[in-house]
Amino acid sequence: VLERDGPSALSLRAVAREAGVSPAAPYHHFKDKEELINAVAKRGFEMLAETMNKAVEGKTTYRERILAIGVAYVCFARDHPAMYHIMYDADRRRDFRSNGVARSQSSAYMLARELRERQAEEHGIAPLDVELATIAGWCAAHGLAEMAQAREFDDLKKQLGGDEAFFAAVLDHLGMLRGN
């Protein structure tokens, strides 16, 4: 329902119709639409974490890993726009801590912070700077994900060799993502 009809079409009634069950059946699992959306958003964050974990496999340097995480994040948003919308819309409406998932444990943040902390240990970077660099990197990837579909970048994407090369080039031009 979400991928086919978009976030606004997601409802308990639509889920029941899609599953071929009675309209009351989803209420055995979700008390209301908000709970359904939160469950879908949670699954989206799990999918994003899986995507980013897979992206860093075989990457050995900090720079390769952090770029792989950023590109995977933007590609996930591109490939799953309705899910991405639900994830961040639900995230803005609730506090992850109240649902047992702290912000620091969410997919993008968790992986980026892990890499930044490794850099901090190697280069003596203060914890506050690690936190701020993590947030800055996440903001950069999130902003790029929001802008990635803009037609104004089509020529540049073609020149660089496609979407992923474009995403990597943009993220690589952010000094905070380099292992300096």
N, C-alpha and C. Protein backbone atom coordinates (compact mmCIF):
# COMPACT_ATOMS: atom_id res chain seq x y z
N VAL A 1 0.84 -1.19 0.00
CA VAL A 1 0.00 0.00 0.00
C VAL A 1 0.88 1.24 0.00
N LEU A 2 1.87 1.22 0.86
CA LEU A 2 2.76 2.38 0.99
C LEU A 2 3.49 2.67 -0.32
N GLU A 3 4.14 1.68 -0.88
CA GLU A 3 4.93 1.89 -2.10
C GLU A 3 4.03 2.18 -3.31
N ARG A 4 2.90 1.54 -3.38
CA ARG A 4 2.02 1.70 -4.53
C ARG A 4 1.21 3.00 -4.48
N ASP A 5 0.66 3.31 -3.30
CA ASP A 5 -0.29 4.42 -3.20
C ASP A 5 0.23 5.63 -2.42
N GLY A 6 1.39 5.49 -1.78
CA GLY A 6 1.97 6.61 -1.07
C GLY A 6 1.59 6.65 0.39
N PRO A 7 2.32 7.48 1.15
CA PRO A 7 2.11 7.56 2.60
C PRO A 7 0.71 7.95 3.02
N SER A 8 0.07 8.82 2.27
CA SER A 8 -1.27 9.27 2.69
C SER A 8 -2.31 8.16 2.59
N ALA A 9 -2.04 7.12 1.80
CA ALA A 9 -2.99 6.02 1.64
C ALA A 9 -2.84 4.94 2.71
N LEU A 10 -1.79 5.02 3.50
CA LEU A 10 -1.56 4.00 4.51
C LEU A 10 -2.56 4.16 5.65
N SER A 11 -3.37 3.14 5.81
CA SER A 11 -4.37 3.14 6.89
C SER A 11 -4.63 1.70 7.30
N LEU A 12 -5.24 1.53 8.45
CA LEU A 12 -5.57 0.18 8.90
C LEU A 12 -6.55 -0.49 7.94
N ARG A 13 -7.49 0.28 7.43
CA ARG A 13 -8.47 -0.26 6.48
C ARG A 13 -7.78 -0.70 5.18
N ALA A 14 -6.85 0.11 4.69
CA ALA A 14 -6.13 -0.23 3.46
C ALA A 14 -5.26 -1.47 3.66
N VAL A 15 -4.64 -1.58 4.82
CA VAL A 15 -3.82 -2.76 5.12
C VAL A 15 -4.70 -4.00 5.18
N ALA A 16 -5.86 -3.89 5.79
CA ALA A 16 -6.79 -5.03 5.86
C ALA A 16 -7.23 -5.44 4.46
N ARG A 17 -7.57 -4.47 3.65
CA ARG A 17 -8.00 -4.75 2.27
C ARG A 17 -6.88 -5.45 1.51
N GLU A 18 -5.66 -4.96 1.64
CA GLU A 18 -4.50 -5.52 0.96
C GLU A 18 -4.23 -6.96 1.41
N ALA A 19 -4.41 -7.20 2.70
CA ALA A 19 -4.16 -8.53 3.26
C ALA A 19 -5.33 -9.49 3.04
N GLY A 20 -6.46 -8.95 2.61
CA GLY A 20 -7.63 -9.79 2.38
C GLY A 20 -8.29 -10.26 3.67
N VAL A 21 -8.22 -9.43 4.69
CA VAL A 21 -8.84 -9.76 5.98
C VAL A 21 -9.92 -8.74 6.30
N SER A 22 -10.65 -8.99 7.37
CA SER A 22 -11.72 -8.08 7.74
C SER A 22 -11.14 -6.74 8.17
N PRO A 23 -11.92 -5.66 8.04
CA PRO A 23 -11.43 -4.34 8.45
C PRO A 23 -11.04 -4.27 9.92
N ALA A 24 -11.57 -5.15 10.75
CA ALA A 24 -11.25 -5.14 12.18
C ALA A 24 -9.94 -5.88 12.49
N ALA A 25 -9.50 -6.74 11.61
CA ALA A 25 -8.33 -7.59 11.88
C ALA A 25 -7.06 -6.81 12.26
N PRO A 26 -6.71 -5.74 11.58
CA PRO A 26 -5.48 -5.02 11.96
C PRO A 26 -5.51 -4.46 13.38
N TYR A 27 -6.71 -4.25 13.91
CA TYR A 27 -6.82 -3.72 15.27
C TYR A 27 -6.38 -4.74 16.33
N HIS A 28 -6.20 -5.99 15.92
CA HIS A 28 -5.64 -6.98 16.84
C HIS A 28 -4.13 -6.77 17.01
N HIS A 29 -3.53 -6.03 16.09
CA HIS A 29 -2.09 -5.80 16.11
C HIS A 29 -1.71 -4.34 16.38
N PHE A 30 -2.57 -3.41 15.99
CA PHE A 30 -2.30 -1.98 16.13
C PHE A 30 -3.54 -1.31 16.71
N LYS A 31 -3.33 -0.45 17.72
CA LYS A 31 -4.50 0.19 18.33
C LYS A 31 -5.08 1.29 17.44
N ASP A 32 -4.21 1.89 16.59
CA ASP A 32 -4.69 2.97 15.71
C ASP A 32 -3.69 3.17 14.57
N LYS A 33 -3.99 4.10 13.70
CA LYS A 33 -3.14 4.37 12.55
C LYS A 33 -1.74 4.82 12.98
N GLU A 34 -1.66 5.60 14.04
CA GLU A 34 -0.36 6.07 14.54
C GLU A 34 0.55 4.90 14.89
N GLU A 35 0.00 3.90 15.54
CA GLU A 35 0.79 2.73 15.91
C GLU A 35 1.22 1.96 14.67
N LEU A 36 0.37 1.86 13.67
CA LEU A 36 0.73 1.23 12.39
C LEU A 36 1.88 1.99 11.74
N ILE A 37 1.76 3.29 11.67
CA ILE A 37 2.81 4.12 11.04
C ILE A 37 4.12 3.98 11.81
N ASN A 38 4.07 3.96 13.13
CA ASN A 38 5.29 3.78 13.91
C ASN A 38 5.94 2.43 13.64
N ALA A 39 5.13 1.39 13.49
CA ALA A 39 5.68 0.06 13.18
C ALA A 39 6.31 0.04 11.79
N VAL A 40 5.67 0.68 10.84
CA VAL A 40 6.22 0.76 9.48
C VAL A 40 7.52 1.57 9.51
N ALA A 41 7.52 2.68 10.23
CA ALA A 41 8.73 3.51 10.33
C ALA A 41 9.87 2.73 10.98
N LYS A 42 9.56 2.00 12.04
CA LYS A 42 10.59 1.19 12.70
C LYS A 42 11.18 0.19 11.72
N ARG A 43 10.32 -0.45 10.93
CA ARG A 43 10.82 -1.41 9.93
C ARG A 43 11.68 -0.68 8.90
N GLY A 44 11.30 0.52 8.52
CA GLY A 44 12.09 1.30 7.58
C GLY A 44 13.48 1.59 8.12
N PHE A 45 13.58 1.96 9.39
CA PHE A 45 14.88 2.22 10.00
C PHE A 45 15.72 0.95 10.06
N GLU A 46 15.06 -0.19 10.29
CA GLU A 46 15.79 -1.47 10.28
C GLU A 46 16.31 -1.77 8.87
N MET A 47 15.47 -1.54 7.87
CA MET A 47 15.90 -1.75 6.48
C MET A 47 17.08 -0.85 6.12
N LEU A 48 17.01 0.40 6.56
CA LEU A 48 18.09 1.35 6.30
C LEU A 48 19.38 0.88 6.95
N ALA A 49 19.30 0.42 8.18
CA ALA A 49 20.48 -0.08 8.88
C ALA A 49 21.07 -1.28 8.14
N GLU A 50 20.21 -2.19 7.69
CA GLU A 50 20.68 -3.35 6.92
C GLU A 50 21.39 -2.90 5.65
N THR A 51 20.80 -1.92 4.97
CA THR A 51 21.37 -1.40 3.73
C THR A 51 22.75 -0.79 3.98
N MET A 52 22.86 -0.02 5.03
CA MET A 52 24.14 0.64 5.32
C MET A 52 25.19 -0.35 5.82
N ASN A 53 24.77 -1.33 6.61
CA ASN A 53 25.71 -2.36 7.04
C ASN A 53 26.27 -3.13 5.84
N LYS A 54 25.40 -3.45 4.91
CA LYS A 54 25.84 -4.15 3.70
C LYS A 54 26.79 -3.27 2.88
N ALA A 55 26.52 -1.98 2.84
CA ALA A 55 27.34 -1.06 2.05
C ALA A 55 28.77 -0.97 2.56
N VAL A 56 28.99 -1.16 3.85
CA VAL A 56 30.35 -1.03 4.38
C VAL A 56 31.14 -2.33 4.34
N GLU A 57 30.48 -3.42 3.97
CA GLU A 57 31.19 -4.70 3.87
C GLU A 57 32.34 -4.57 2.88
N GLY A 58 33.49 -5.00 3.28
CA GLY A 58 34.66 -4.97 2.41
C GLY A 58 35.37 -3.63 2.33
N LYS A 59 34.79 -2.61 2.96
CA LYS A 59 35.43 -1.29 2.97
C LYS A 59 36.39 -1.27 4.15
N THR A 60 37.62 -0.88 3.91
CA THR A 60 38.62 -0.97 4.97
C THR A 60 39.02 0.37 5.57
N THR A 61 38.94 1.43 4.80
CA THR A 61 39.36 2.72 5.35
C THR A 61 38.15 3.49 5.86
N TYR A 62 38.46 4.41 6.76
CA TYR A 62 37.41 5.28 7.29
C TYR A 62 36.68 6.00 6.15
N ARG A 63 37.42 6.57 5.23
CA ARG A 63 36.84 7.34 4.13
C ARG A 63 35.92 6.47 3.28
N GLU A 64 36.36 5.27 2.95
CA GLU A 64 35.51 4.35 2.16
C GLU A 64 34.23 4.01 2.91
N ARG A 65 34.36 3.74 4.20
CA ARG A 65 33.20 3.33 4.99
C ARG A 65 32.22 4.48 5.17
N ILE A 66 32.71 5.66 5.48
CA ILE A 66 31.80 6.78 5.72
C ILE A 66 31.11 7.21 4.43
N LEU A 67 31.83 7.17 3.30
CA LEU A 67 31.18 7.47 2.02
C LEU A 67 30.16 6.40 1.65
N ALA A 68 30.49 5.14 1.92
CA ALA A 68 29.54 4.06 1.63
C ALA A 68 28.26 4.22 2.44
N ILE A 69 28.39 4.62 3.70
CA ILE A 69 27.22 4.86 4.54
C ILE A 69 26.38 6.00 3.97
N GLY A 70 27.03 7.10 3.63
CA GLY A 70 26.30 8.25 3.09
C GLY A 70 25.60 7.94 1.78
N VAL A 71 26.30 7.27 0.87
CA VAL A 71 25.70 6.92 -0.43
C VAL A 71 24.56 5.94 -0.22
N ALA A 72 24.73 4.95 0.65
CA ALA A 72 23.66 3.99 0.91
C ALA A 72 22.42 4.68 1.47
N TYR A 73 22.63 5.65 2.34
CA TYR A 73 21.52 6.41 2.93
C TYR A 73 20.73 7.13 1.83
N VAL A 74 21.45 7.83 0.96
CA VAL A 74 20.79 8.60 -0.10
C VAL A 74 20.11 7.65 -1.10
N CYS A 75 20.77 6.54 -1.43
CA CYS A 75 20.16 5.57 -2.35
C CYS A 75 18.91 4.94 -1.75
N PHE A 76 18.93 4.68 -0.45
CA PHE A 76 17.75 4.13 0.22
C PHE A 76 16.57 5.11 0.07
N ALA A 77 16.84 6.38 0.30
CA ALA A 77 15.78 7.39 0.16
C ALA A 77 15.27 7.45 -1.27
N ARG A 78 16.17 7.34 -2.22
CA ARG A 78 15.79 7.36 -3.64
C ARG A 78 14.96 6.13 -4.01
N ASP A 79 15.39 4.97 -3.51
CA ASP A 79 14.75 3.71 -3.90
C ASP A 79 13.46 3.41 -3.13
N HIS A 80 13.30 4.02 -1.98
CA HIS A 80 12.12 3.79 -1.13
C HIS A 80 11.54 5.12 -0.67
N PRO A 81 11.11 5.98 -1.58
CA PRO A 81 10.69 7.33 -1.18
C PRO A 81 9.51 7.36 -0.22
N ALA A 82 8.54 6.48 -0.41
CA ALA A 82 7.38 6.49 0.49
C ALA A 82 7.78 6.02 1.89
N MET A 83 8.59 4.98 1.96
CA MET A 83 9.06 4.48 3.25
C MET A 83 9.90 5.56 3.94
N TYR A 84 10.78 6.20 3.20
CA TYR A 84 11.64 7.24 3.75
C TYR A 84 10.79 8.38 4.32
N HIS A 85 9.75 8.76 3.59
CA HIS A 85 8.84 9.81 4.05
C HIS A 85 8.17 9.40 5.36
N ILE A 86 7.65 8.19 5.41
CA ILE A 86 6.99 7.70 6.63
C ILE A 86 7.96 7.68 7.80
N MET A 87 9.19 7.21 7.54
CA MET A 87 10.18 7.10 8.62
C MET A 87 10.42 8.44 9.29
N TYR A 88 10.67 9.45 8.49
CA TYR A 88 11.03 10.74 9.08
C TYR A 88 9.82 11.54 9.51
N ASP A 89 8.68 11.29 8.90
CA ASP A 89 7.46 11.93 9.37
C ASP A 89 7.10 11.37 10.75
N ALA A 90 7.17 10.05 10.89
CA ALA A 90 6.88 9.42 12.18
C ALA A 90 7.91 9.85 13.22
N ASP A 91 9.16 9.95 12.79
CA ASP A 91 10.24 10.33 13.70
C ASP A 91 10.02 11.73 14.26
N ARG A 92 9.51 12.63 13.44
CA ARG A 92 9.26 14.00 13.90
C ARG A 92 8.10 14.07 14.89
N ARG A 93 7.18 13.12 14.80
CA ARG A 93 5.99 13.15 15.65
C ARG A 93 6.17 12.44 16.97
N ARG A 94 7.26 11.73 17.15
CA ARG A 94 7.39 10.96 18.38
C ARG A 94 8.80 11.00 18.91
N ASP A 95 8.94 10.52 20.10
CA ASP A 95 10.24 10.44 20.75
C ASP A 95 10.66 8.98 20.74
N PHE A 96 11.74 8.66 20.03
CA PHE A 96 12.22 7.28 19.96
C PHE A 96 12.44 6.69 21.34
N ARG A 97 12.90 7.50 22.29
CA ARG A 97 13.18 6.98 23.62
C ARG A 97 11.94 6.39 24.25
N SER A 98 10.76 6.91 23.95
CA SER A 98 9.54 6.37 24.53
C SER A 98 9.18 5.02 23.93
N ASN A 99 9.80 4.68 22.82
CA ASN A 99 9.55 3.40 22.18
C ASN A 99 10.74 2.45 22.30
N GLY A 100 11.67 2.75 23.21
CA GLY A 100 12.79 1.87 23.44
C GLY A 100 13.91 1.97 22.43
N VAL A 101 13.87 2.93 21.52
CA VAL A 101 14.93 3.09 20.53
C VAL A 101 15.42 4.52 20.63
N ALA A 102 16.56 4.70 21.25
CA ALA A 102 17.13 6.04 21.37
C ALA A 102 17.67 6.50 20.03
N ARG A 103 17.70 7.79 19.82
CA ARG A 103 18.25 8.38 18.59
C ARG A 103 19.64 7.80 18.30
N SER A 104 20.46 7.68 19.34
CA SER A 104 21.82 7.20 19.15
C SER A 104 21.87 5.74 18.70
N GLN A 105 20.74 5.04 18.76
CA GLN A 105 20.70 3.66 18.32
C GLN A 105 20.05 3.52 16.94
N SER A 106 19.59 4.61 16.35
CA SER A 106 18.96 4.50 15.04
C SER A 106 20.02 4.33 13.96
N SER A 107 19.64 3.75 12.88
CA SER A 107 20.51 3.27 11.82
C SER A 107 21.62 4.22 11.38
N ALA A 108 21.29 5.28 10.74
CA ALA A 108 22.30 6.18 10.17
C ALA A 108 23.18 6.75 11.26
N TYR A 109 22.56 7.19 12.31
CA TYR A 109 23.28 7.82 13.39
C TYR A 109 24.25 6.84 14.04
N MET A 110 23.77 5.62 14.27
CA MET A 110 24.57 4.61 14.94
C MET A 110 25.84 4.29 14.14
N LEU A 111 25.69 4.06 12.85
CA LEU A 111 26.85 3.70 12.03
C LEU A 111 27.82 4.86 11.88
N ALA A 112 27.30 6.02 11.63
CA ALA A 112 28.17 7.18 11.46
C ALA A 112 28.91 7.49 12.76
N ARG A 113 28.22 7.38 13.86
CA ARG A 113 28.87 7.66 15.14
C ARG A 113 29.96 6.65 15.43
N GLU A 114 29.71 5.40 15.12
CA GLU A 114 30.73 4.35 15.32
C GLU A 114 32.00 4.71 14.57
N LEU A 115 31.85 5.12 13.33
CA LEU A 115 33.02 5.48 12.54
C LEU A 115 33.70 6.73 13.08
N ARG A 116 32.90 7.73 13.46
CA ARG A 116 33.49 8.95 14.01
C ARG A 116 34.24 8.65 15.31
N GLU A 117 33.69 7.78 16.15
CA GLU A 117 34.35 7.46 17.41
C GLU A 117 35.68 6.75 17.16
N ARG A 118 35.72 5.92 16.14
CA ARG A 118 36.98 5.28 15.79
C ARG A 118 38.02 6.33 15.41
N GLN A 119 37.59 7.32 14.63
CA GLN A 119 38.49 8.41 14.26
C GLN A 119 38.92 9.19 15.49
N ALA A 120 38.01 9.39 16.44
CA ALA A 120 38.33 10.14 17.65
C ALA A 120 39.43 9.43 18.44
N GLU A 121 39.30 8.12 18.56
CA GLU A 121 40.32 7.36 19.29
C GLU A 121 41.69 7.49 18.62
N GLU A 122 41.71 7.42 17.30
CA GLU A 122 42.97 7.48 16.56
C GLU A 122 43.58 8.87 16.56
N HIS A 123 42.76 9.91 16.59
CA HIS A 123 43.26 11.28 16.42
C HIS A 123 42.98 12.19 17.62
N GLY A 124 42.47 11.64 18.72
CA GLY A 124 42.24 12.44 19.91
C GLY A 124 41.17 13.50 19.76
N ILE A 125 40.10 13.20 19.05
CA ILE A 125 39.01 14.16 18.85
C ILE A 125 38.07 14.12 20.06
N ALA A 126 37.67 15.28 20.55
CA ALA A 126 36.80 15.38 21.72
C ALA A 126 35.41 14.79 21.44
N PRO A 127 34.78 14.17 22.46
CA PRO A 127 33.45 13.57 22.28
C PRO A 127 32.41 14.54 21.71
N LEU A 128 32.43 15.80 22.15
CA LEU A 128 31.48 16.76 21.63
C LEU A 128 31.68 16.97 20.13
N ASP A 129 32.94 17.00 19.71
CA ASP A 129 33.22 17.15 18.28
C ASP A 129 32.77 15.92 17.50
N VAL A 130 32.90 14.75 18.09
CA VAL A 130 32.41 13.52 17.45
C VAL A 130 30.90 13.63 17.25
N GLU A 131 30.21 14.04 18.30
CA GLU A 131 28.75 14.18 18.24
C GLU A 131 28.33 15.18 17.17
N LEU A 132 28.98 16.34 17.15
CA LEU A 132 28.63 17.37 16.18
C LEU A 132 28.97 16.95 14.76
N ALA A 133 30.09 16.27 14.57
CA ALA A 133 30.45 15.79 13.24
C ALA A 133 29.47 14.72 12.76
N THR A 134 29.01 13.88 13.68
CA THR A 134 28.02 12.86 13.34
C THR A 134 26.73 13.52 12.86
N ILE A 135 26.27 14.49 13.60
CA ILE A 135 25.04 15.20 13.23
C ILE A 135 25.23 15.93 11.90
N ALA A 136 26.36 16.57 11.71
CA ALA A 136 26.63 17.30 10.46
C ALA A 136 26.63 16.33 9.27
N GLY A 137 27.26 15.19 9.43
CA GLY A 137 27.28 14.20 8.35
C GLY A 137 25.90 13.67 8.04
N TRP A 138 25.11 13.42 9.09
CA TRP A 138 23.75 12.94 8.90
C TRP A 138 22.91 14.00 8.19
N CYS A 139 23.07 15.24 8.61
CA CYS A 139 22.34 16.34 7.96
C CYS A 139 22.71 16.44 6.48
N ALA A 140 23.98 16.28 6.19
CA ALA A 140 24.43 16.35 4.80
C ALA A 140 23.79 15.25 3.97
N ALA A 141 23.81 14.02 4.47
CA ALA A 141 23.21 12.90 3.73
C ALA A 141 21.70 13.08 3.60
N HIS A 142 21.06 13.53 4.67
CA HIS A 142 19.61 13.74 4.65
C HIS A 142 19.24 14.85 3.65
N GLY A 143 20.00 15.93 3.67
CA GLY A 143 19.76 17.02 2.72
C GLY A 143 19.97 16.58 1.28
N LEU A 144 21.03 15.81 1.05
CA LEU A 144 21.27 15.30 -0.30
C LEU A 144 20.15 14.36 -0.73
N ALA A 145 19.66 13.54 0.20
CA ALA A 145 18.54 12.64 -0.11
C ALA A 145 17.31 13.44 -0.53
N GLU A 146 17.08 14.56 0.13
CA GLU A 146 15.93 15.41 -0.21
C GLU A 146 16.09 16.08 -1.58
N MET A 147 17.33 16.40 -1.93
CA MET A 147 17.58 17.12 -3.18
C MET A 147 17.94 16.21 -4.36
N ALA A 148 18.18 14.95 -4.10
CA ALA A 148 18.74 14.04 -5.09
C ALA A 148 17.90 13.89 -6.36
N GLN A 149 16.62 14.07 -6.25
CA GLN A 149 15.75 13.87 -7.42
C GLN A 149 15.57 15.14 -8.26
N ALA A 150 16.19 16.22 -7.85
CA ALA A 150 16.05 17.48 -8.59
C ALA A 150 16.65 17.35 -9.98
N ARG A 151 15.92 17.75 -10.96
CA ARG A 151 16.35 17.66 -12.37
C ARG A 151 17.57 18.52 -12.66
N GLU A 152 17.78 19.54 -11.86
CA GLU A 152 18.90 20.45 -12.11
C GLU A 152 20.25 19.74 -12.01
N PHE A 153 20.29 18.56 -11.38
CA PHE A 153 21.53 17.81 -11.23
C PHE A 153 21.73 16.73 -12.29
N ASP A 154 20.77 16.56 -13.20
CA ASP A 154 20.84 15.48 -14.18
C ASP A 154 22.11 15.52 -15.02
N ASP A 155 22.51 16.69 -15.51
CA ASP A 155 23.72 16.77 -16.33
C ASP A 155 24.96 16.41 -15.52
N LEU A 156 25.01 16.87 -14.30
CA LEU A 156 26.15 16.57 -13.44
C LEU A 156 26.20 15.07 -13.10
N LYS A 157 25.04 14.48 -12.84
CA LYS A 157 24.98 13.03 -12.58
C LYS A 157 25.51 12.26 -13.78
N LYS A 158 25.10 12.67 -14.96
CA LYS A 158 25.56 12.01 -16.18
C LYS A 158 27.07 12.18 -16.35
N GLN A 159 27.55 13.37 -16.13
CA GLN A 159 28.97 13.67 -16.26
C GLN A 159 29.81 12.83 -15.28
N LEU A 160 29.30 12.61 -14.07
CA LEU A 160 30.03 11.87 -13.05
C LEU A 160 29.84 10.36 -13.14
N GLY A 161 28.88 9.91 -13.94
CA GLY A 161 28.68 8.47 -14.10
C GLY A 161 27.47 7.89 -13.39
N GLY A 162 26.50 8.71 -13.06
CA GLY A 162 25.26 8.21 -12.46
C GLY A 162 25.00 8.74 -11.07
N ASP A 163 23.86 8.33 -10.54
CA ASP A 163 23.42 8.80 -9.22
C ASP A 163 24.45 8.53 -8.13
N GLU A 164 24.88 7.29 -8.01
CA GLU A 164 25.76 6.94 -6.89
C GLU A 164 27.08 7.68 -6.96
N ALA A 165 27.62 7.85 -8.15
CA ALA A 165 28.88 8.61 -8.29
C ALA A 165 28.65 10.07 -7.91
N PHE A 166 27.51 10.61 -8.28
CA PHE A 166 27.15 11.98 -7.91
C PHE A 166 27.04 12.11 -6.39
N PHE A 167 26.30 11.18 -5.76
CA PHE A 167 26.13 11.22 -4.31
C PHE A 167 27.49 11.16 -3.60
N ALA A 168 28.33 10.23 -4.04
CA ALA A 168 29.66 10.09 -3.42
C ALA A 168 30.49 11.35 -3.61
N ALA A 169 30.43 11.95 -4.79
CA ALA A 169 31.22 13.16 -5.05
C ALA A 169 30.76 14.32 -4.16
N VAL A 170 29.46 14.47 -4.02
CA VAL A 170 28.95 15.55 -3.17
C VAL A 170 29.38 15.32 -1.72
N LEU A 171 29.16 14.11 -1.22
CA LEU A 171 29.51 13.82 0.16
C LEU A 171 31.02 13.90 0.40
N ASP A 172 31.79 13.51 -0.59
CA ASP A 172 33.25 13.55 -0.46
C ASP A 172 33.77 14.98 -0.38
N HIS A 173 33.00 15.91 -0.89
CA HIS A 173 33.42 17.32 -0.84
C HIS A 173 33.13 17.97 0.50
N LEU A 174 32.61 17.21 1.43
CA LEU A 174 32.41 17.70 2.79
C LEU A 174 33.62 17.28 3.61
N GLY A 175 34.41 18.20 4.01
CA GLY A 175 35.65 17.91 4.73
C GLY A 175 35.45 17.05 5.96
N MET A 176 34.27 17.16 6.60
CA MET A 176 34.06 16.41 7.84
C MET A 176 33.97 14.91 7.59
N LEU A 177 33.71 14.49 6.34
CA LEU A 177 33.62 13.07 6.05
C LEU A 177 34.98 12.46 5.75
N ARG A 178 35.96 13.27 5.59
CA ARG A 178 37.31 12.76 5.33
C ARG A 178 37.98 12.39 6.64
N GLY A 179 38.84 11.46 6.57
CA GLY A 179 39.51 10.97 7.79
C GLY A 179 40.70 11.79 8.18
N ASN A 180 40.59 13.11 8.11
CA ASN A 180 41.73 13.99 8.43
C ASN A 180 41.98 14.06 9.91
